[in-house]
Each structure stands twice: as C-alpha cells, then as structure tokens.
C-alpha cells in the first residue's frame, strides 16, 4: 500500500495510463477483427474501408509502443495482402 503522497500520486498516474493503454489496445484489436470479418465475408469494398480505418490505429499503436513498431507494420502488411487477394 502506498504511504507517501508521491507514491499515492504514482498509483493514480499508473491507473490512468493503464486505462488509456487498455482502451487503445482494445480499439486496435477491434479494428483488426472488423477487417478480418470483412475478409471472411468476401466483400472487397467493406474490407478495403475497414482496412483504411484500421491502418492509422495500428500505426499509432506501433508509435506509442503498444505493440512493437515492426509488429504493427507486419499486421498492416498482412491484412493488406489478404484484402488484395479477395477476388
């Protein structure tokens, strides 16, 4: 348990940061899931628009350190490749 005022403040800051991180990660994962669902349905227009919406969220997560920068790039690349493969 935090005793000093600075330790109590750090607990509050960590809770805020954790909530923000959890929200951003959830948004990123949801956007990826929407792209994958559009790919599974076979709708190229829906998949393209979902990918266009997901790309900046994934890139931002890479910049902020939510996921590794190269992992974010790899996710976008693989999704784009799957969207392009839809006939």
PDB file of N, CA and C in Angstrom:
ATOM      1  N   UNK A   1       0.841  -1.187   0.000  1.00  0.00           N
ATOM      2  CA  UNK A   1       0.000   0.000   0.000  1.00  0.00           C
ATOM      3  C   UNK A   1       0.878   1.240   0.000  1.00  0.00           C
ATOM      4  N   UNK A   2       0.513   2.213  -0.799  1.00  0.00           N
ATOM      5  CA  UNK A   2       1.290   3.445  -0.900  1.00  0.00           C
ATOM      6  C   UNK A   2       1.132   4.260   0.373  1.00  0.00           C
ATOM      7  N   UNK A   3       2.256   4.740   0.903  1.00  0.00           N
ATOM      8  CA  UNK A   3       2.214   5.536   2.123  1.00  0.00           C
ATOM      9  C   UNK A   3       2.490   7.007   1.859  1.00  0.00           C
ATOM     10  N   UNK A   4       3.483   7.300   1.054  1.00  0.00           N
ATOM     11  CA  UNK A   4       3.850   8.699   0.812  1.00  0.00           C
ATOM     12  C   UNK A   4       2.927   9.313  -0.235  1.00  0.00           C
ATOM     13  N   UNK A   5       2.862  10.634  -0.209  1.00  0.00           N
ATOM     14  CA  UNK A   5       1.984  11.320  -1.167  1.00  0.00           C
ATOM     15  C   UNK A   5       2.454  11.095  -2.595  1.00  0.00           C
ATOM     16  N   UNK A   6       3.773  11.029  -2.802  1.00  0.00           N
ATOM     17  CA  UNK A   6       4.277  10.806  -4.164  1.00  0.00           C
ATOM     18  C   UNK A   6       3.939   9.398  -4.647  1.00  0.00           C
ATOM     19  N   UNK A   7       3.971   8.431  -3.726  1.00  0.00           N
ATOM     20  CA  UNK A   7       3.612   7.058  -4.097  1.00  0.00           C
ATOM     21  C   UNK A   7       2.125   6.966  -4.421  1.00  0.00           C
ATOM     22  N   UNK A   8       1.300   7.694  -3.673  1.00  0.00           N
ATOM     23  CA  UNK A   8      -0.132   7.704  -3.952  1.00  0.00           C
ATOM     24  C   UNK A   8      -0.415   8.330  -5.311  1.00  0.00           C
ATOM     25  N   UNK A   9       0.316   9.391  -5.628  1.00  0.00           N
ATOM     26  CA  UNK A   9       0.152  10.048  -6.926  1.00  0.00           C
ATOM     27  C   UNK A   9       0.572   9.095  -8.047  1.00  0.00           C
ATOM     28  N   UNK A  10       1.652   8.363  -7.854  1.00  0.00           N
ATOM     29  CA  UNK A  10       2.103   7.412  -8.878  1.00  0.00           C
ATOM     30  C   UNK A  10       1.052   6.324  -9.104  1.00  0.00           C
ATOM     31  N   UNK A  11       0.391   5.889  -8.039  1.00  0.00           N
ATOM     32  CA  UNK A  11      -0.668   4.888  -8.185  1.00  0.00           C
ATOM     33  C   UNK A  11      -1.786   5.438  -9.064  1.00  0.00           C
ATOM     34  N   UNK A  12      -2.158   6.712  -8.834  1.00  0.00           N
ATOM     35  CA  UNK A  12      -3.196   7.334  -9.648  1.00  0.00           C
ATOM     36  C   UNK A  12      -2.748   7.457 -11.102  1.00  0.00           C
ATOM     37  N   UNK A  13      -1.497   7.875 -11.324  1.00  0.00           N
ATOM     38  CA  UNK A  13      -0.986   8.043 -12.684  1.00  0.00           C
ATOM     39  C   UNK A  13      -0.936   6.710 -13.426  1.00  0.00           C
ATOM     40  N   UNK A  14      -0.504   5.672 -12.725  1.00  0.00           N
ATOM     41  CA  UNK A  14      -0.408   4.346 -13.340  1.00  0.00           C
ATOM     42  C   UNK A  14      -1.802   3.847 -13.731  1.00  0.00           C
ATOM     43  N   UNK A  15      -2.791   4.078 -12.867  1.00  0.00           N
ATOM     44  CA  UNK A  15      -4.159   3.648 -13.172  1.00  0.00           C
ATOM     45  C   UNK A  15      -4.684   4.360 -14.413  1.00  0.00           C
ATOM     46  N   UNK A  16      -4.406   5.663 -14.520  1.00  0.00           N
ATOM     47  CA  UNK A  16      -4.838   6.432 -15.693  1.00  0.00           C
ATOM     48  C   UNK A  16      -4.170   5.905 -16.946  1.00  0.00           C
ATOM     49  N   UNK A  17      -2.859   5.697 -16.874  1.00  0.00           N
ATOM     50  CA  UNK A  17      -2.099   5.226 -18.025  1.00  0.00           C
ATOM     51  C   UNK A  17      -2.556   3.836 -18.453  1.00  0.00           C
ATOM     52  N   UNK A  18      -2.835   2.965 -17.465  1.00  0.00           N
ATOM     53  CA  UNK A  18      -3.291   1.610 -17.763  1.00  0.00           C
ATOM     54  C   UNK A  18      -4.631   1.634 -18.488  1.00  0.00           C
ATOM     55  N   UNK A  19      -5.530   2.491 -18.013  1.00  0.00           N
ATOM     56  CA  UNK A  19      -6.846   2.591 -18.649  1.00  0.00           C
ATOM     57  C   UNK A  19      -6.716   3.076 -20.088  1.00  0.00           C
ATOM     58  N   UNK A  20      -5.855   4.064 -20.305  1.00  0.00           N
ATOM     59  CA  UNK A  20      -5.657   4.608 -21.651  1.00  0.00           C
ATOM     60  C   UNK A  20      -5.064   3.537 -22.567  1.00  0.00           C
ATOM     61  N   UNK A  21      -4.074   2.817 -22.075  1.00  0.00           N
ATOM     62  CA  UNK A  21      -3.430   1.762 -22.856  1.00  0.00           C
ATOM     63  C   UNK A  21      -4.421   0.659 -23.210  1.00  0.00           C
ATOM     64  N   UNK A  22      -5.225   0.263 -22.221  1.00  0.00           N
ATOM     65  CA  UNK A  22      -6.206  -0.801 -22.449  1.00  0.00           C
ATOM     66  C   UNK A  22      -7.218  -0.378 -23.511  1.00  0.00           C
ATOM     67  N   UNK A  23      -7.640   0.878 -23.462  1.00  0.00           N
ATOM     68  CA  UNK A  23      -8.604   1.388 -24.441  1.00  0.00           C
ATOM     69  C   UNK A  23      -8.002   1.391 -25.846  1.00  0.00           C
ATOM     70  N   UNK A  24      -6.772   1.872 -25.974  1.00  0.00           N
ATOM     71  CA  UNK A  24      -6.128   1.931 -27.293  1.00  0.00           C
ATOM     72  C   UNK A  24      -5.892   0.537 -27.857  1.00  0.00           C
ATOM     73  N   UNK A  25      -5.463  -0.386 -26.998  1.00  0.00           N
ATOM     74  CA  UNK A  25      -5.227  -1.752 -27.464  1.00  0.00           C
ATOM     75  C   UNK A  25      -6.532  -2.402 -27.894  1.00  0.00           C
ATOM     76  N   UNK A  26      -7.599  -2.151 -27.153  1.00  0.00           N
ATOM     77  CA  UNK A  26      -8.904  -2.701 -27.490  1.00  0.00           C
ATOM     78  C   UNK A  26      -9.399  -2.144 -28.821  1.00  0.00           C
ATOM     79  N   UNK A  27      -9.230  -0.848 -29.038  1.00  0.00           N
ATOM     80  CA  UNK A  27      -9.625  -0.236 -30.311  1.00  0.00           C
ATOM     81  C   UNK A  27      -8.874  -0.871 -31.473  1.00  0.00           C
ATOM     82  N   UNK A  28      -7.556  -1.062 -31.292  1.00  0.00           N
ATOM     83  CA  UNK A  28      -6.736  -1.637 -32.351  1.00  0.00           C
ATOM     84  C   UNK A  28      -7.208  -3.063 -32.678  1.00  0.00           C
ATOM     85  N   UNK A  29      -7.418  -3.867 -31.644  1.00  0.00           N
ATOM     86  CA  UNK A  29      -7.828  -5.256 -31.853  1.00  0.00           C
ATOM     87  C   UNK A  29      -9.211  -5.331 -32.500  1.00  0.00           C
ATOM     88  N   UNK A  30     -10.105  -4.434 -32.097  1.00  0.00           N
ATOM     89  CA  UNK A  30     -11.446  -4.419 -32.685  1.00  0.00           C
ATOM     90  C   UNK A  30     -11.389  -4.063 -34.164  1.00  0.00           C
ATOM     91  N   UNK A  31     -10.537  -3.109 -34.503  1.00  0.00           N
ATOM     92  CA  UNK A  31     -10.426  -2.714 -35.910  1.00  0.00           C
ATOM     93  C   UNK A  31      -9.845  -3.851 -36.738  1.00  0.00           C
ATOM     94  N   UNK A  32      -8.882  -4.565 -36.188  1.00  0.00           N
ATOM     95  CA  UNK A  32      -8.307  -5.724 -36.889  1.00  0.00           C
ATOM     96  C   UNK A  32      -9.386  -6.792 -37.077  1.00  0.00           C
ATOM     97  N   UNK A  33     -10.196  -7.015 -36.030  1.00  0.00           N
ATOM     98  CA  UNK A  33     -11.255  -8.019 -36.122  1.00  0.00           C
ATOM     99  C   UNK A  33     -12.274  -7.637 -37.194  1.00  0.00           C
ATOM    100  N   UNK A  34     -12.603  -6.333 -37.299  1.00  0.00           N
ATOM    101  CA  UNK A  34     -13.551  -5.891 -38.326  1.00  0.00           C
ATOM    102  C   UNK A  34     -13.003  -6.154 -39.730  1.00  0.00           C
ATOM    103  N   UNK A  35     -11.705  -5.940 -39.928  1.00  0.00           N
ATOM    104  CA  UNK A  35     -11.095  -6.219 -41.234  1.00  0.00           C
ATOM    105  C   UNK A  35     -11.177  -7.708 -41.531  1.00  0.00           C
ATOM    106  N   UNK A  36     -10.840  -8.536 -40.538  1.00  0.00           N
ATOM    107  CA  UNK A  36     -10.863  -9.983 -40.746  1.00  0.00           C
ATOM    108  C   UNK A  36     -12.271 -10.494 -41.025  1.00  0.00           C
ATOM    109  N   UNK A  37     -13.273  -9.910 -40.358  1.00  0.00           N
ATOM    110  CA  UNK A  37     -14.658 -10.313 -40.615  1.00  0.00           C
ATOM    111  C   UNK A  37     -15.081  -9.918 -42.029  1.00  0.00           C
ATOM    112  N   UNK A  38     -14.652  -8.737 -42.475  1.00  0.00           N
ATOM    113  CA  UNK A  38     -14.976  -8.305 -43.837  1.00  0.00           C
ATOM    114  C   UNK A  38     -14.285  -9.199 -44.862  1.00  0.00           C
ATOM    115  N   UNK A  39     -13.059  -9.624 -44.569  1.00  0.00           N
ATOM    116  CA  UNK A  39     -12.343 -10.533 -45.465  1.00  0.00           C
ATOM    117  C   UNK A  39     -13.075 -11.869 -45.529  1.00  0.00           C
ATOM    118  N   UNK A  40     -13.514 -12.350 -44.369  1.00  0.00           N
ATOM    119  CA  UNK A  40     -14.218 -13.643 -44.312  1.00  0.00           C
ATOM    120  C   UNK A  40     -15.545 -13.589 -45.072  1.00  0.00           C
ATOM    121  N   UNK A  41     -16.205 -12.430 -45.034  1.00  0.00           N
ATOM    122  CA  UNK A  41     -17.472 -12.315 -45.748  1.00  0.00           C
ATOM    123  C   UNK A  41     -17.263 -12.221 -47.257  1.00  0.00           C
ATOM    124  N   UNK A  42     -16.052 -11.856 -47.681  1.00  0.00           N
ATOM    125  CA  UNK A  42     -15.731 -11.804 -49.099  1.00  0.00           C
ATOM    126  C   UNK A  42     -16.064 -10.486 -49.768  1.00  0.00           C
ATOM    127  N   UNK A  43     -16.409  -9.488 -48.982  1.00  0.00           N
ATOM    128  CA  UNK A  43     -16.751  -8.177 -49.535  1.00  0.00           C
ATOM    129  C   UNK A  43     -15.499  -7.310 -49.623  1.00  0.00           C
ATOM    130  N   UNK A  44     -15.029  -7.082 -50.834  1.00  0.00           N
ATOM    131  CA  UNK A  44     -13.795  -6.323 -51.013  1.00  0.00           C
ATOM    132  C   UNK A  44     -13.972  -4.862 -50.602  1.00  0.00           C
ATOM    133  N   UNK A  45     -15.134  -4.266 -50.899  1.00  0.00           N
ATOM    134  CA  UNK A  45     -15.367  -2.865 -50.530  1.00  0.00           C
ATOM    135  C   UNK A  45     -15.358  -2.680 -49.019  1.00  0.00           C
ATOM    136  N   UNK A  46     -16.073  -3.575 -48.316  1.00  0.00           N
ATOM    137  CA  UNK A  46     -16.104  -3.488 -46.854  1.00  0.00           C
ATOM    138  C   UNK A  46     -14.715  -3.713 -46.264  1.00  0.00           C
ATOM    139  N   UNK A  47     -13.997  -4.684 -46.806  1.00  0.00           N
ATOM    140  CA  UNK A  47     -12.661  -4.994 -46.298  1.00  0.00           C
ATOM    141  C   UNK A  47     -11.710  -3.829 -46.528  1.00  0.00           C
ATOM    142  N   UNK A  48     -11.815  -3.194 -47.690  1.00  0.00           N
ATOM    143  CA  UNK A  48     -10.943  -2.061 -48.000  1.00  0.00           C
ATOM    144  C   UNK A  48     -11.224  -0.891 -47.074  1.00  0.00           C
ATOM    145  N   UNK A  49     -12.496  -0.595 -46.850  1.00  0.00           N
ATOM    146  CA  UNK A  49     -12.823   0.529 -45.963  1.00  0.00           C
ATOM    147  C   UNK A  49     -12.447   0.214 -44.513  1.00  0.00           C
ATOM    148  N   UNK A  50     -12.623  -1.037 -44.088  1.00  0.00           N
ATOM    149  CA  UNK A  50     -12.234  -1.431 -42.729  1.00  0.00           C
ATOM    150  C   UNK A  50     -10.722  -1.345 -42.555  1.00  0.00           C
ATOM    151  N   UNK A  51      -9.984  -1.743 -43.592  1.00  0.00           N
ATOM    152  CA  UNK A  51      -8.521  -1.661 -43.528  1.00  0.00           C
ATOM    153  C   UNK A  51      -8.074  -0.209 -43.481  1.00  0.00           C
ATOM    154  N   UNK A  52      -8.739   0.648 -44.254  1.00  0.00           N
ATOM    155  CA  UNK A  52      -8.399   2.072 -44.269  1.00  0.00           C
ATOM    156  C   UNK A  52      -8.626   2.699 -42.887  1.00  0.00           C
ATOM    157  N   UNK A  53      -9.637   2.214 -42.166  1.00  0.00           N
ATOM    158  CA  UNK A  53      -9.907   2.713 -40.821  1.00  0.00           C
ATOM    159  C   UNK A  53      -8.935   2.123 -39.795  1.00  0.00           C
ATOM    160  N   UNK A  54      -8.506   0.868 -40.020  1.00  0.00           N
ATOM    161  CA  UNK A  54      -7.643   0.187 -39.051  1.00  0.00           C
ATOM    162  C   UNK A  54      -6.187   0.602 -39.155  1.00  0.00           C
ATOM    163  N   UNK A  55      -5.751   0.955 -40.356  1.00  0.00           N
ATOM    164  CA  UNK A  55      -4.336   1.270 -40.584  1.00  0.00           C
ATOM    165  C   UNK A  55      -3.789   2.339 -39.642  1.00  0.00           C
ATOM    166  N   UNK A  56      -4.442   3.505 -39.500  1.00  0.00           N
ATOM    167  CA  UNK A  56      -3.888   4.511 -38.604  1.00  0.00           C
ATOM    168  C   UNK A  56      -3.883   4.090 -37.139  1.00  0.00           C
ATOM    169  N   UNK A  57      -4.872   3.286 -36.723  1.00  0.00           N
ATOM    170  CA  UNK A  57      -4.904   2.822 -35.339  1.00  0.00           C
ATOM    171  C   UNK A  57      -3.737   1.882 -35.053  1.00  0.00           C
ATOM    172  N   UNK A  58      -3.447   0.994 -36.000  1.00  0.00           N
ATOM    173  CA  UNK A  58      -2.344   0.054 -35.822  1.00  0.00           C
ATOM    174  C   UNK A  58      -1.014   0.801 -35.838  1.00  0.00           C
ATOM    175  N   UNK A  59      -0.872   1.758 -36.759  1.00  0.00           N
ATOM    176  CA  UNK A  59       0.366   2.538 -36.841  1.00  0.00           C
ATOM    177  C   UNK A  59       0.588   3.351 -35.572  1.00  0.00           C
ATOM    178  N   UNK A  60      -0.478   3.928 -35.048  1.00  0.00           N
ATOM    179  CA  UNK A  60      -0.365   4.720 -33.819  1.00  0.00           C
ATOM    180  C   UNK A  60       0.044   3.833 -32.650  1.00  0.00           C
ATOM    181  N   UNK A  61      -0.513   2.627 -32.597  1.00  0.00           N
ATOM    182  CA  UNK A  61      -0.136   1.687 -31.539  1.00  0.00           C
ATOM    183  C   UNK A  61       1.350   1.339 -31.633  1.00  0.00           C
ATOM    184  N   UNK A  62       1.869   1.232 -32.851  1.00  0.00           N
ATOM    185  CA  UNK A  62       3.293   0.983 -33.036  1.00  0.00           C
ATOM    186  C   UNK A  62       4.141   2.159 -32.594  1.00  0.00           C
ATOM    187  N   UNK A  63       3.688   3.372 -32.896  1.00  0.00           N
ATOM    188  CA  UNK A  63       4.440   4.564 -32.479  1.00  0.00           C
ATOM    189  C   UNK A  63       4.445   4.731 -30.964  1.00  0.00           C
ATOM    190  N   UNK A  64       3.321   4.410 -30.332  1.00  0.00           N
ATOM    191  CA  UNK A  64       3.190   4.620 -28.889  1.00  0.00           C
ATOM    192  C   UNK A  64       3.815   3.492 -28.071  1.00  0.00           C
ATOM    193  N   UNK A  65       4.197   2.395 -28.740  1.00  0.00           N
ATOM    194  CA  UNK A  65       4.818   1.295 -28.010  1.00  0.00           C
ATOM    195  C   UNK A  65       3.823   0.274 -27.482  1.00  0.00           C
ATOM    196  N   UNK A  66       2.566   0.344 -27.927  1.00  0.00           N
ATOM    197  CA  UNK A  66       1.573  -0.645 -27.520  1.00  0.00           C
ATOM    198  C   UNK A  66       1.941  -2.005 -28.088  1.00  0.00           C
ATOM    199  N   UNK A  67       2.347  -1.992 -29.344  1.00  0.00           N
ATOM    200  CA  UNK A  67       2.928  -3.163 -29.989  1.00  0.00           C
ATOM    201  C   UNK A  67       4.243  -2.702 -30.593  1.00  0.00           C
ATOM    202  N   UNK A  68       5.115  -3.620 -30.888  1.00  0.00           N
ATOM    203  CA  UNK A  68       6.397  -3.248 -31.482  1.00  0.00           C
ATOM    204  C   UNK A  68       6.158  -2.616 -32.852  1.00  0.00           C
ATOM    205  N   UNK A  69       7.016  -1.697 -33.220  1.00  0.00           N
ATOM    206  CA  UNK A  69       6.868  -0.955 -34.474  1.00  0.00           C
ATOM    207  C   UNK A  69       6.823  -1.906 -35.670  1.00  0.00           C
ATOM    208  N   UNK A  70       7.694  -2.883 -35.687  1.00  0.00           N
ATOM    209  CA  UNK A  70       7.730  -3.824 -36.815  1.00  0.00           C
ATOM    210  C   UNK A  70       6.530  -4.755 -36.792  1.00  0.00           C
ATOM    211  N   UNK A  71       6.059  -5.099 -35.599  1.00  0.00           N
ATOM    212  CA  UNK A  71       4.867  -5.957 -35.490  1.00  0.00           C
ATOM    213  C   UNK A  71       3.650  -5.226 -36.054  1.00  0.00           C
ATOM    214  N   UNK A  72       3.551  -3.928 -35.777  1.00  0.00           N
ATOM    215  CA  UNK A  72       2.446  -3.132 -36.316  1.00  0.00           C
ATOM    216  C   UNK A  72       2.518  -3.087 -37.831  1.00  0.00           C
ATOM    217  N   UNK A  73       3.718  -2.872 -38.351  1.00  0.00           N
ATOM    218  CA  UNK A  73       3.912  -2.836 -39.795  1.00  0.00           C
ATOM    219  C   UNK A  73       3.553  -4.180 -40.425  1.00  0.00           C
ATOM    220  N   UNK A  74       3.933  -5.244 -39.758  1.00  0.00           N
ATOM    221  CA  UNK A  74       3.652  -6.596 -40.256  1.00  0.00           C
ATOM    222  C   UNK A  74       2.148  -6.869 -40.275  1.00  0.00           C
ATOM    223  N   UNK A  75       1.431  -6.424 -39.221  1.00  0.00           N
ATOM    224  CA  UNK A  75      -0.014  -6.616 -39.168  1.00  0.00           C
ATOM    225  C   UNK A  75      -0.702  -5.909 -40.340  1.00  0.00           C
ATOM    226  N   UNK A  76      -0.316  -4.657 -40.573  1.00  0.00           N
ATOM    227  CA  UNK A  76      -0.911  -3.888 -41.669  1.00  0.00           C
ATOM    228  C   UNK A  76      -0.607  -4.562 -43.000  1.00  0.00           C
ATOM    229  N   UNK A  77       0.625  -4.984 -43.175  1.00  0.00           N
ATOM    230  CA  UNK A  77       1.045  -5.598 -44.428  1.00  0.00           C
ATOM    231  C   UNK A  77       0.267  -6.880 -44.702  1.00  0.00           C
ATOM    232  N   UNK A  78       0.128  -7.712 -43.695  1.00  0.00           N
ATOM    233  CA  UNK A  78      -0.570  -8.991 -43.882  1.00  0.00           C
ATOM    234  C   UNK A  78      -2.059  -8.785 -44.143  1.00  0.00           C
ATOM    235  N   UNK A  79      -2.653  -7.809 -43.446  1.00  0.00           N
ATOM    236  CA  UNK A  79      -4.063  -7.520 -43.698  1.00  0.00           C
ATOM    237  C   UNK A  79      -4.263  -6.985 -45.112  1.00  0.00           C
ATOM    238  N   UNK A  80      -3.373  -6.080 -45.537  1.00  0.00           N
ATOM    239  CA  UNK A  80      -3.482  -5.502 -46.883  1.00  0.00           C
ATOM    240  C   UNK A  80      -3.333  -6.585 -47.945  1.00  0.00           C
ATOM    241  N   UNK A  81      -2.432  -7.518 -47.700  1.00  0.00           N
ATOM    242  CA  UNK A  81      -2.213  -8.612 -48.640  1.00  0.00           C
ATOM    243  C   UNK A  81      -3.472  -9.487 -48.749  1.00  0.00           C
ATOM    244  N   UNK A  82      -4.127  -9.743 -47.620  1.00  0.00           N
ATOM    245  CA  UNK A  82      -5.341 -10.564 -47.627  1.00  0.00           C
ATOM    246  C   UNK A  82      -6.501  -9.823 -48.295  1.00  0.00           C
ATOM    247  N   UNK A  83      -6.577  -8.509 -48.071  1.00  0.00           N
ATOM    248  CA  UNK A  83      -7.643  -7.723 -48.705  1.00  0.00           C
ATOM    249  C   UNK A  83      -7.444  -7.711 -50.221  1.00  0.00           C
ATOM    250  N   UNK A  84      -6.195  -7.551 -50.648  1.00  0.00           N
ATOM    251  CA  UNK A  84      -5.897  -7.512 -52.078  1.00  0.00           C
ATOM    252  C   UNK A  84      -6.195  -8.843 -52.758  1.00  0.00           C
ATOM    253  N   UNK A  85      -6.115  -9.938 -51.992  1.00  0.00           N
ATOM    254  CA  UNK A  85      -6.334 -11.262 -52.566  1.00  0.00           C
ATOM    255  C   UNK A  85      -7.803 -11.579 -52.807  1.00  0.00           C
ATOM    256  N   UNK A  86      -8.699 -10.764 -52.243  1.00  0.00           N
ATOM    257  CA  UNK A  86     -10.136 -11.005 -52.450  1.00  0.00           C
ATOM    258  C   UNK A  86     -10.473 -10.735 -53.915  1.00  0.00           C
ATOM    259  N   UNK A  87     -11.171 -11.694 -54.525  1.00  0.00           N
ATOM    260  CA  UNK A  87     -11.470 -11.534 -55.960  1.00  0.00           C
ATOM    261  C   UNK A  87     -12.678 -10.666 -56.184  1.00  0.00           C
TER     262      UNK A  87
END
